[in-house]
C-alpha atoms as a PDB file:
ATOM      1  CA  MET A   1     -15.345   3.361  37.643  1.00  0.00           C
ATOM      2  CA  SER A   2     -15.083   3.697  33.901  1.00  0.00           C
ATOM      3  CA  SER A   3     -12.624   1.460  32.102  1.00  0.00           C
ATOM      4  CA  PRO A   4      -9.566   3.143  30.517  1.00  0.00           C
ATOM      5  CA  ASP A   5      -9.651   3.866  26.814  1.00  0.00           C
ATOM      6  CA  PRO A   6      -7.974   1.151  24.721  1.00  0.00           C
ATOM      7  CA  PRO A   7      -4.558   2.090  23.360  1.00  0.00           C
ATOM      8  CA  ALA A   8      -4.498   3.581  19.889  1.00  0.00           C
ATOM      9  CA  PRO A   9      -3.533   1.113  17.127  1.00  0.00           C
ATOM     10  CA  TRP A  10       0.137   1.174  16.145  1.00  0.00           C
ATOM     11  CA  TRP A  11      -0.571   2.870  12.829  1.00  0.00           C
ATOM     12  CA  HIS A  12      -2.209   5.877  14.520  1.00  0.00           C
ATOM     13  CA  ASP A  13       1.123   7.768  14.773  1.00  0.00           C
ATOM     14  CA  PHE A  14       3.235   5.592  12.494  1.00  0.00           C
ATOM     15  CA  HIS A  15       2.553   7.343   9.187  1.00  0.00           C
ATOM     16  CA  ASP A  16       4.383  10.611   9.800  1.00  0.00           C
ATOM     17  CA  ASP A  17       6.530  12.966   7.731  1.00  0.00           C
ATOM     18  CA  LEU A  18       9.681  10.977   8.548  1.00  0.00           C
ATOM     19  CA  LEU A  19       8.314   7.812   6.958  1.00  0.00           C
ATOM     20  CA  ALA A  20       7.169   9.827   3.953  1.00  0.00           C
ATOM     21  CA  GLN A  21      10.591  11.415   3.507  1.00  0.00           C
ATOM     22  CA  ILE A  22      12.625   8.235   3.704  1.00  0.00           C
ATOM     23  CA  LEU A  23      10.366   5.600   2.109  1.00  0.00           C
ATOM     24  CA  LEU A  24       7.290   7.099   0.411  1.00  0.00           C
ATOM     25  CA  GLU A  25       9.067   9.680  -1.721  1.00  0.00           C
ATOM     26  CA  ARG A  26      10.078   7.547  -4.689  1.00  0.00           C
ATOM     27  CA  ALA A  27      13.773   7.642  -5.599  1.00  0.00           C
ATOM     28  CA  THR A  28      13.404   8.186  -9.350  1.00  0.00           C
ATOM     29  CA  ALA A  29      10.770   8.939 -11.953  1.00  0.00           C
ATOM     30  CA  ALA A  30      11.861   5.738 -13.735  1.00  0.00           C
ATOM     31  CA  GLU A  31      10.807   3.681 -10.701  1.00  0.00           C
ATOM     32  CA  VAL A  32       7.379   5.306 -10.688  1.00  0.00           C
ATOM     33  CA  ASP A  33       6.959   4.839 -14.448  1.00  0.00           C
ATOM     34  CA  ARG A  34       7.901   1.151 -14.222  1.00  0.00           C
ATOM     35  CA  THR A  35       5.365   0.618 -11.443  1.00  0.00           C
ATOM     36  CA  LEU A  36       2.602   2.469 -13.293  1.00  0.00           C
ATOM     37  CA  ASP A  37       3.322   0.598 -16.521  1.00  0.00           C
ATOM     38  CA  PHE A  38       2.737  -2.645 -14.645  1.00  0.00           C
ATOM     39  CA  ILE A  39      -0.416  -1.415 -12.898  1.00  0.00           C
ATOM     40  CA  VAL A  40      -1.982  -0.101 -16.119  1.00  0.00           C
ATOM     41  CA  LYS A  41      -1.327  -3.396 -17.953  1.00  0.00           C
ATOM     42  CA  ALA A  42      -2.306  -5.649 -15.087  1.00  0.00           C
ATOM     43  CA  LEU A  43      -5.576  -3.769 -14.494  1.00  0.00           C
ATOM     44  CA  GLU A  44      -6.269  -3.744 -18.253  1.00  0.00           C
ATOM     45  CA  LEU A  45      -6.918   0.004 -18.097  1.00  0.00           C
ATOM     46  CA  ARG A  46      -7.962   2.078 -21.080  1.00  0.00           C
ATOM     47  CA  ASP A  47      -7.568   5.804 -21.601  1.00  0.00           C
ATOM     48  CA  GLY A  48      -9.922   7.738 -19.359  1.00  0.00           C
ATOM     49  CA  ASP A  49     -10.752   4.797 -17.070  1.00  0.00           C
ATOM     50  CA  ARG A  50     -11.606   5.500 -13.450  1.00  0.00           C
ATOM     51  CA  VAL A  51      -9.112   4.074 -10.915  1.00  0.00           C
ATOM     52  CA  TYR A  52      -9.088   3.840  -7.115  1.00  0.00           C
ATOM     53  CA  ASP A  53      -5.728   4.033  -5.286  1.00  0.00           C
ATOM     54  CA  GLN A  54      -6.541   2.342  -1.978  1.00  0.00           C
ATOM     55  CA  CYS A  55      -4.148   3.549   0.774  1.00  0.00           C
ATOM     56  CA  CYS A  56      -2.613   6.162  -1.518  1.00  0.00           C
ATOM     57  CA  GLY A  57      -0.209   7.717   1.000  1.00  0.00           C
ATOM     58  CA  ILE A  58       1.233  11.008  -0.272  1.00  0.00           C
ATOM     59  CA  GLY A  59       0.020  10.373  -3.827  1.00  0.00           C
ATOM     60  CA  SER A  60       3.278   8.976  -5.223  1.00  0.00           C
ATOM     61  CA  LEU A  61       1.349   6.846  -7.725  1.00  0.00           C
ATOM     62  CA  SER A  62      -2.076   8.466  -7.960  1.00  0.00           C
ATOM     63  CA  ARG A  63      -0.782  11.842  -9.145  1.00  0.00           C
ATOM     64  CA  PRO A  64       1.372  10.556 -12.036  1.00  0.00           C
ATOM     65  CA  LEU A  65      -1.399   8.093 -12.908  1.00  0.00           C
ATOM     66  CA  ALA A  66      -3.837  10.992 -13.233  1.00  0.00           C
ATOM     67  CA  ALA A  67      -1.235  12.803 -15.343  1.00  0.00           C
ATOM     68  CA  ARG A  68      -1.477   9.878 -17.792  1.00  0.00           C
ATOM     69  CA  GLY A  69      -5.114  10.758 -18.385  1.00  0.00           C
ATOM     70  CA  PHE A  70      -6.889   8.455 -15.935  1.00  0.00           C
ATOM     71  CA  ARG A  71      -9.595   9.572 -13.524  1.00  0.00           C
ATOM     72  CA  VAL A  72      -8.225   8.763 -10.083  1.00  0.00           C
ATOM     73  CA  VAL A  73      -9.592   8.569  -6.548  1.00  0.00           C
ATOM     74  CA  GLY A  74      -7.138   8.178  -3.671  1.00  0.00           C
ATOM     75  CA  CYS A  75      -7.871   7.318  -0.053  1.00  0.00           C
ATOM     76  CA  ASP A  76      -5.667   7.163   3.036  1.00  0.00           C
ATOM     77  CA  ARG A  77      -6.379   7.215   6.752  1.00  0.00           C
ATOM     78  CA  ALA A  78      -3.386   9.549   7.364  1.00  0.00           C
ATOM     79  CA  ALA A  79      -4.945  12.994   6.982  1.00  0.00           C
ATOM     80  CA  GLY A  80      -1.512  14.622   6.799  1.00  0.00           C
ATOM     81  CA  TYR A  81      -0.629  12.511   3.770  1.00  0.00           C
ATOM     82  CA  ILE A  82      -3.868  13.465   2.049  1.00  0.00           C
ATOM     83  CA  ASP A  83      -3.193  17.149   2.737  1.00  0.00           C
ATOM     84  CA  ARG A  84       0.252  16.794   1.175  1.00  0.00           C
ATOM     85  CA  ALA A  85      -1.114  14.875  -1.827  1.00  0.00           C
ATOM     86  CA  ARG A  86      -3.634  17.649  -2.461  1.00  0.00           C
ATOM     87  CA  ARG A  87      -0.970  20.365  -2.192  1.00  0.00           C
ATOM     88  CA  ASP A  88       1.385  18.516  -4.528  1.00  0.00           C
ATOM     89  CA  ALA A  89      -1.429  17.934  -7.037  1.00  0.00           C
ATOM     90  CA  GLU A  90      -2.067  21.688  -7.169  1.00  0.00           C
ATOM     91  CA  LEU A  91       1.545  22.172  -8.297  1.00  0.00           C
ATOM     92  CA  ASP A  92       1.292  19.677 -11.165  1.00  0.00           C
ATOM     93  CA  GLU A  93       1.009  21.031 -14.675  1.00  0.00           C
ATOM     94  CA  GLY A  94      -2.425  20.934 -16.263  1.00  0.00           C
ATOM     95  CA  PRO A  95      -5.776  20.032 -14.674  1.00  0.00           C
ATOM     96  CA  LEU A  96      -5.961  16.498 -13.275  1.00  0.00           C
ATOM     97  CA  ASP A  97      -9.102  14.420 -12.715  1.00  0.00           C
ATOM     98  CA  LEU A  98      -7.956  13.525  -9.208  1.00  0.00           C
ATOM     99  CA  HIS A  99      -9.838  13.371  -5.924  1.00  0.00           C
ATOM    100  CA  TYR A 100      -8.457  12.544  -2.464  1.00  0.00           C
ATOM    101  CA  GLU A 101     -10.295  11.414   0.663  1.00  0.00           C
ATOM    102  CA  ALA A 102      -8.930  11.148   4.199  1.00  0.00           C
ATOM    103  CA  ALA A 103     -10.755   7.997   5.266  1.00  0.00           C
ATOM    104  CA  ASP A 104     -10.352   4.430   6.481  1.00  0.00           C
ATOM    105  CA  ALA A 105      -9.837   2.113   3.504  1.00  0.00           C
ATOM    106  CA  CYS A 106     -11.653  -0.594   5.457  1.00  0.00           C
ATOM    107  CA  ALA A 107     -14.842   1.457   5.074  1.00  0.00           C
ATOM    108  CA  PHE A 108     -14.350   3.893   2.174  1.00  0.00           C
ATOM    109  CA  ARG A 109     -15.738   3.315  -1.332  1.00  0.00           C
ATOM    110  CA  PRO A 110     -15.671   5.856  -4.173  1.00  0.00           C
ATOM    111  CA  ALA A 111     -19.026   7.408  -4.954  1.00  0.00           C
ATOM    112  CA  ASP A 112     -19.012   5.905  -8.465  1.00  0.00           C
ATOM    113  CA  ALA A 113     -17.835   2.438  -9.505  1.00  0.00           C
ATOM    114  CA  VAL A 114     -14.267   2.278 -10.808  1.00  0.00           C
ATOM    115  CA  ASP A 115     -12.609   0.222 -13.538  1.00  0.00           C
ATOM    116  CA  GLY A 116      -9.633  -0.812 -11.427  1.00  0.00           C
ATOM    117  CA  VAL A 117      -8.373  -0.751  -7.829  1.00  0.00           C
ATOM    118  CA  PHE A 118      -4.822  -1.109  -6.551  1.00  0.00           C
ATOM    119  CA  ASN A 119      -3.391  -1.339  -3.042  1.00  0.00           C
ATOM    120  CA  TRP A 120       0.378  -0.878  -3.232  1.00  0.00           C
ATOM    121  CA  TRP A 121       3.466  -1.082  -1.012  1.00  0.00           C
ATOM    122  CA  THR A 122       2.203  -3.318   1.825  1.00  0.00           C
ATOM    123  CA  SER A 123      -0.788  -1.414   3.154  1.00  0.00           C
ATOM    124  CA  PHE A 124      -2.716  -4.614   3.948  1.00  0.00           C
ATOM    125  CA  GLY A 125      -2.698  -6.801   7.051  1.00  0.00           C
ATOM    126  CA  TYR A 126      -2.372  -4.169   9.762  1.00  0.00           C
ATOM    127  CA  ALA A 127      -4.991  -5.742  12.038  1.00  0.00           C
ATOM    128  CA  GLU A 128      -4.639  -8.915  14.081  1.00  0.00           C
ATOM    129  CA  SER A 129      -8.054 -10.122  12.906  1.00  0.00           C
ATOM    130  CA  ASP A 130      -8.696 -11.699   9.504  1.00  0.00           C
ATOM    131  CA  GLU A 131     -12.202 -10.281   9.678  1.00  0.00           C
ATOM    132  CA  VAL A 132     -10.941  -6.705  10.028  1.00  0.00           C
ATOM    133  CA  ASN A 133      -8.318  -7.076   7.295  1.00  0.00           C
ATOM    134  CA  ALA A 134     -10.894  -8.634   4.986  1.00  0.00           C
ATOM    135  CA  ARG A 135     -13.003  -5.462   5.167  1.00  0.00           C
ATOM    136  CA  MET A 136     -10.388  -3.705   3.037  1.00  0.00           C
ATOM    137  CA  LEU A 137     -10.703  -6.389   0.368  1.00  0.00           C
ATOM    138  CA  ALA A 138     -14.500  -6.188   0.531  1.00  0.00           C
ATOM    139  CA  CYS A 139     -14.352  -2.415  -0.018  1.00  0.00           C
ATOM    140  CA  ALA A 140     -12.097  -2.926  -3.039  1.00  0.00           C
ATOM    141  CA  PHE A 141     -14.557  -5.463  -4.441  1.00  0.00           C
ATOM    142  CA  GLU A 142     -17.570  -3.203  -3.848  1.00  0.00           C
ATOM    143  CA  SER A 143     -15.760  -0.256  -5.471  1.00  0.00           C
ATOM    144  CA  LEU A 144     -15.292  -2.086  -8.774  1.00  0.00           C
ATOM    145  CA  ARG A 145     -17.642  -2.290 -11.721  1.00  0.00           C
ATOM    146  CA  PRO A 146     -18.483  -5.872 -12.730  1.00  0.00           C
ATOM    147  CA  GLY A 147     -15.482  -7.262 -14.587  1.00  0.00           C
ATOM    148  CA  GLY A 148     -13.054  -4.787 -12.981  1.00  0.00           C
ATOM    149  CA  LEU A 149      -9.680  -5.879 -11.616  1.00  0.00           C
ATOM    150  CA  PHE A 150      -7.946  -5.443  -8.246  1.00  0.00           C
ATOM    151  CA  LEU A 151      -4.211  -5.514  -7.510  1.00  0.00           C
ATOM    152  CA  LEU A 152      -2.909  -6.174  -3.997  1.00  0.00           C
ATOM    153  CA  ASP A 153       0.830  -5.733  -3.434  1.00  0.00           C
ATOM    154  CA  THR A 154       1.988  -7.203  -0.139  1.00  0.00           C
ATOM    155  CA  MET A 155       4.718  -9.380   1.374  1.00  0.00           C
ATOM    156  CA  ASN A 156       5.384 -12.949   0.275  1.00  0.00           C
ATOM    157  CA  ALA A 157       5.630 -14.697   3.644  1.00  0.00           C
ATOM    158  CA  ALA A 158       7.769 -17.516   2.238  1.00  0.00           C
ATOM    159  CA  GLY A 159      10.308 -15.132   0.709  1.00  0.00           C
ATOM    160  CA  VAL A 160      10.442 -12.886   3.794  1.00  0.00           C
ATOM    161  CA  LEU A 161      11.131 -15.862   6.075  1.00  0.00           C
ATOM    162  CA  ARG A 162      13.548 -17.508   3.663  1.00  0.00           C
ATOM    163  CA  HIS A 163      15.644 -14.329   3.401  1.00  0.00           C
ATOM    164  CA  PHE A 164      14.864 -12.862   6.795  1.00  0.00           C
ATOM    165  CA  GLN A 165      16.744  -9.662   7.653  1.00  0.00           C
ATOM    166  CA  PRO A 166      16.591  -8.810  11.364  1.00  0.00           C
ATOM    167  CA  HIS A 167      18.355  -5.473  10.810  1.00  0.00           C
ATOM    168  CA  MET A 168      18.000  -2.962   7.967  1.00  0.00           C
ATOM    169  CA  PHE A 169      19.448   0.536   7.651  1.00  0.00           C
ATOM    170  CA  THR A 170      18.317   3.257   5.223  1.00  0.00           C
ATOM    171  CA  ARG A 171      19.735   6.735   4.604  1.00  0.00           C
ATOM    172  CA  ARG A 172      18.344   9.682   2.703  1.00  0.00           C
ATOM    173  CA  GLU A 173      19.427  13.286   2.298  1.00  0.00           C
ATOM    174  CA  ILE A 174      16.792  15.769   3.462  1.00  0.00           C
ATOM    175  CA  PRO A 175      16.903  19.535   4.056  1.00  0.00           C
ATOM    176  CA  GLY A 176      19.279  20.019   6.964  1.00  0.00           C
ATOM    177  CA  GLY A 177      21.334  16.866   6.539  1.00  0.00           C
ATOM    178  CA  GLU A 178      20.989  13.089   6.493  1.00  0.00           C
ATOM    179  CA  LEU A 179      17.972  11.190   7.784  1.00  0.00           C
ATOM    180  CA  CYS A 180      18.750   7.614   8.872  1.00  0.00           C
ATOM    181  CA  LEU A 181      16.322   4.813   9.634  1.00  0.00           C
ATOM    182  CA  ALA A 182      17.181   1.621  11.527  1.00  0.00           C
ATOM    183  CA  ARG A 183      14.633  -1.212  11.351  1.00  0.00           C
ATOM    184  CA  GLU A 184      14.824  -4.114  13.797  1.00  0.00           C
ATOM    185  CA  SER A 185      12.559  -7.008  12.806  1.00  0.00           C
ATOM    186  CA  SER A 186      11.278 -10.154  14.465  1.00  0.00           C
ATOM    187  CA  VAL A 187       8.648 -12.733  13.556  1.00  0.00           C
ATOM    188  CA  ASP A 188       5.890 -13.884  15.898  1.00  0.00           C
ATOM    189  CA  LEU A 189       5.446 -17.424  14.607  1.00  0.00           C
ATOM    190  CA  ALA A 190       2.480 -18.077  16.897  1.00  0.00           C
ATOM    191  CA  THR A 191       0.395 -15.356  15.238  1.00  0.00           C
ATOM    192  CA  GLY A 192       2.124 -15.059  11.861  1.00  0.00           C
ATOM    193  CA  ALA A 193       3.026 -11.388  12.311  1.00  0.00           C
ATOM    194  CA  LEU A 194       6.114  -9.371  11.412  1.00  0.00           C
ATOM    195  CA  ASP A 195       7.081  -6.977  14.203  1.00  0.00           C
ATOM    196  CA  LYS A 196       9.384  -4.019  13.540  1.00  0.00           C
ATOM    197  CA  ARG A 197      10.931  -1.314  15.650  1.00  0.00           C
ATOM    198  CA  TRP A 198      11.641   1.802  13.566  1.00  0.00           C
ATOM    199  CA  THR A 199      14.238   4.259  14.881  1.00  0.00           C
ATOM    200  CA  TYR A 200      14.810   7.507  12.984  1.00  0.00           C
ATOM    201  CA  PHE A 201      18.055   9.405  13.527  1.00  0.00           C
ATOM    202  CA  LEU A 202      17.456  13.050  12.620  1.00  0.00           C
ATOM    203  CA  PRO A 203      20.136  15.471  11.407  1.00  0.00           C
ATOM    204  CA  ASP A 204      19.803  17.532  14.600  1.00  0.00           C
ATOM    205  CA  GLY A 205      20.627  14.523  16.786  1.00  0.00           C
ATOM    206  CA  ARG A 206      17.096  13.637  17.863  1.00  0.00           C
ATOM    207  CA  ARG A 207      15.665  10.129  17.697  1.00  0.00           C
ATOM    208  CA  VAL A 208      12.083   9.128  16.950  1.00  0.00           C
ATOM    209  CA  THR A 209      10.872   5.554  17.475  1.00  0.00           C
ATOM    210  CA  HIS A 210       7.773   3.739  16.238  1.00  0.00           C
ATOM    211  CA  SER A 211       6.627   0.119  16.206  1.00  0.00           C
ATOM    212  CA  SER A 212       4.661  -1.789  13.586  1.00  0.00           C
ATOM    213  CA  ARG A 213       3.010  -5.178  13.382  1.00  0.00           C
ATOM    214  CA  VAL A 214       1.817  -6.588  10.029  1.00  0.00           C
ATOM    215  CA  ARG A 215       0.308  -9.993   9.344  1.00  0.00           C
ATOM    216  CA  LEU A 216       2.467 -12.300   7.210  1.00  0.00           C
ATOM    217  CA  TYR A 217      -0.218 -13.980   5.139  1.00  0.00           C
ATOM    218  CA  GLN A 218       0.776 -17.016   3.132  1.00  0.00           C
ATOM    219  CA  PRO A 219      -0.258 -16.776  -0.541  1.00  0.00           C
ATOM    220  CA  HIS A 220      -2.972 -19.412  -0.154  1.00  0.00           C
ATOM    221  CA  GLU A 221      -4.426 -17.415   2.762  1.00  0.00           C
ATOM    222  CA  LEU A 222      -4.586 -14.301   0.586  1.00  0.00           C
ATOM    223  CA  VAL A 223      -6.385 -16.317  -2.094  1.00  0.00           C
ATOM    224  CA  ARG A 224      -8.883 -17.531   0.504  1.00  0.00           C
ATOM    225  CA  LEU A 225      -9.566 -13.991   1.739  1.00  0.00           C
ATOM    226  CA  LEU A 226      -9.987 -12.676  -1.807  1.00  0.00           C
ATOM    227  CA  ARG A 227     -12.421 -15.456  -2.673  1.00  0.00           C
ATOM    228  CA  SER A 228     -14.389 -14.768   0.502  1.00  0.00           C
ATOM    229  CA  ALA A 229     -14.705 -11.134  -0.605  1.00  0.00           C
ATOM    230  CA  GLY A 230     -16.250 -12.313  -3.898  1.00  0.00           C
ATOM    231  CA  PHE A 231     -13.248 -12.142  -6.227  1.00  0.00           C
ATOM    232  CA  ALA A 232     -12.559 -14.699  -8.948  1.00  0.00           C
ATOM    233  CA  GLU A 233      -9.798 -15.382 -11.513  1.00  0.00           C
ATOM    234  CA  ILE A 234      -7.133 -14.866  -8.835  1.00  0.00           C
ATOM    235  CA  GLU A 235      -3.516 -14.841 -10.020  1.00  0.00           C
ATOM    236  CA  LEU A 236      -0.285 -14.402  -8.041  1.00  0.00           C
ATOM    237  CA  PHE A 237       2.914 -12.712  -9.228  1.00  0.00           C
ATOM    238  CA  GLY A 238       6.282 -12.271  -7.580  1.00  0.00           C
ATOM    239  CA  ASP A 239       7.362  -8.905  -8.949  1.00  0.00           C
ATOM    240  CA  ILE A 240       6.580  -6.284 -11.545  1.00  0.00           C
ATOM    241  CA  GLY A 241       7.866  -6.423 -15.081  1.00  0.00           C
ATOM    242  CA  PRO A 242       6.949  -5.496 -18.652  1.00  0.00           C
ATOM    243  CA  LYS A 243       4.205  -8.110 -18.445  1.00  0.00           C
ATOM    244  CA  PRO A 244       2.184  -9.157 -15.376  1.00  0.00           C
ATOM    245  CA  ASP A 245       3.629 -12.658 -15.438  1.00  0.00           C
ATOM    246  CA  GLN A 246       6.626 -12.600 -13.081  1.00  0.00           C
ATOM    247  CA  PRO A 247       6.295 -15.889 -11.181  1.00  0.00           C
ATOM    248  CA  LEU A 248       5.752 -16.080  -7.435  1.00  0.00           C
ATOM    249  CA  THR A 249       8.435 -18.302  -5.887  1.00  0.00           C
ATOM    250  CA  LEU A 250       9.860 -19.140  -2.481  1.00  0.00           C
ATOM    251  CA  ASP A 251      12.486 -16.444  -3.032  1.00  0.00           C
ATOM    252  CA  THR A 252      10.406 -13.461  -4.139  1.00  0.00           C
ATOM    253  CA  LEU A 253       9.830 -10.944  -1.362  1.00  0.00           C
ATOM    254  CA  ARG A 254       6.599  -9.589  -2.845  1.00  0.00           C
ATOM    255  CA  CYS A 255       3.281 -11.255  -3.517  1.00  0.00           C
ATOM    256  CA  ILE A 256       1.153  -9.351  -6.024  1.00  0.00           C
ATOM    257  CA  CYS A 257      -2.406 -10.647  -6.265  1.00  0.00           C
ATOM    258  CA  ARG A 258      -4.634  -9.877  -9.235  1.00  0.00           C
ATOM    259  CA  ALA A 259      -8.315 -10.657  -8.859  1.00  0.00           C
ATOM    260  CA  ARG A 260     -11.448  -9.848 -10.833  1.00  0.00           C
ATOM    261  CA  ARG A 261     -14.941  -8.931  -9.753  1.00  0.00           C
ATOM    262  CA  PRO A 262     -17.124 -11.340 -11.759  1.00  0.00           C
ATOM    263  CA  ARG A 263     -18.990  -9.764 -14.657  1.00  0.00           C
END
């Protein structure tokens, strides 16, 4: 008797249009500009540089980055998000040097070396295994030219635990009415994972529920994983600002790692 197929990982159905509508569509152009200003400075990018947006989602950052004159490659395992990113890019004014791939970021590398890589909005740590998660960092390293920089934006475990919110509620107006999202969170201290139950309340009265499980890496563990991937000159920041020097503290909810591939 053949053994049953293993269950699909939680992220297989998680990244749907509902998540895109309520969290991935950025609220304002000013928010996007502030984020891109930080990324461009932190990666030390120059006009025309080639950049890789690892786990690009619907292209919220890669498209406006390409509009600034950079050559951009975006990758995401959610094929529906890549389809949307391509459609949206076709509507942008002027030709963009922008290429999207529907692929696993733990295996994908751009065909040509890039000057900078960024992984934004907590797209790291989806697997239980350090070895599997580290593959994403290794791909970022291998995608860079010597001397290129990598930015990883993820959760600061200390800040998340210090200001733990077991319940969060988000609303957003969409065609047809209001979309509401309730997030119920718990921490598995034995494995260091943040578990969430996501319940969407649709305007027509339907409910859709997903679950997620993301590793809560301590900053020193992220440093260890980055070093194991080959990175050097590793710096940690707590938030974005006009300069990449916002300190990481026990209270900051984000941990932004900057690391360089040695020259």
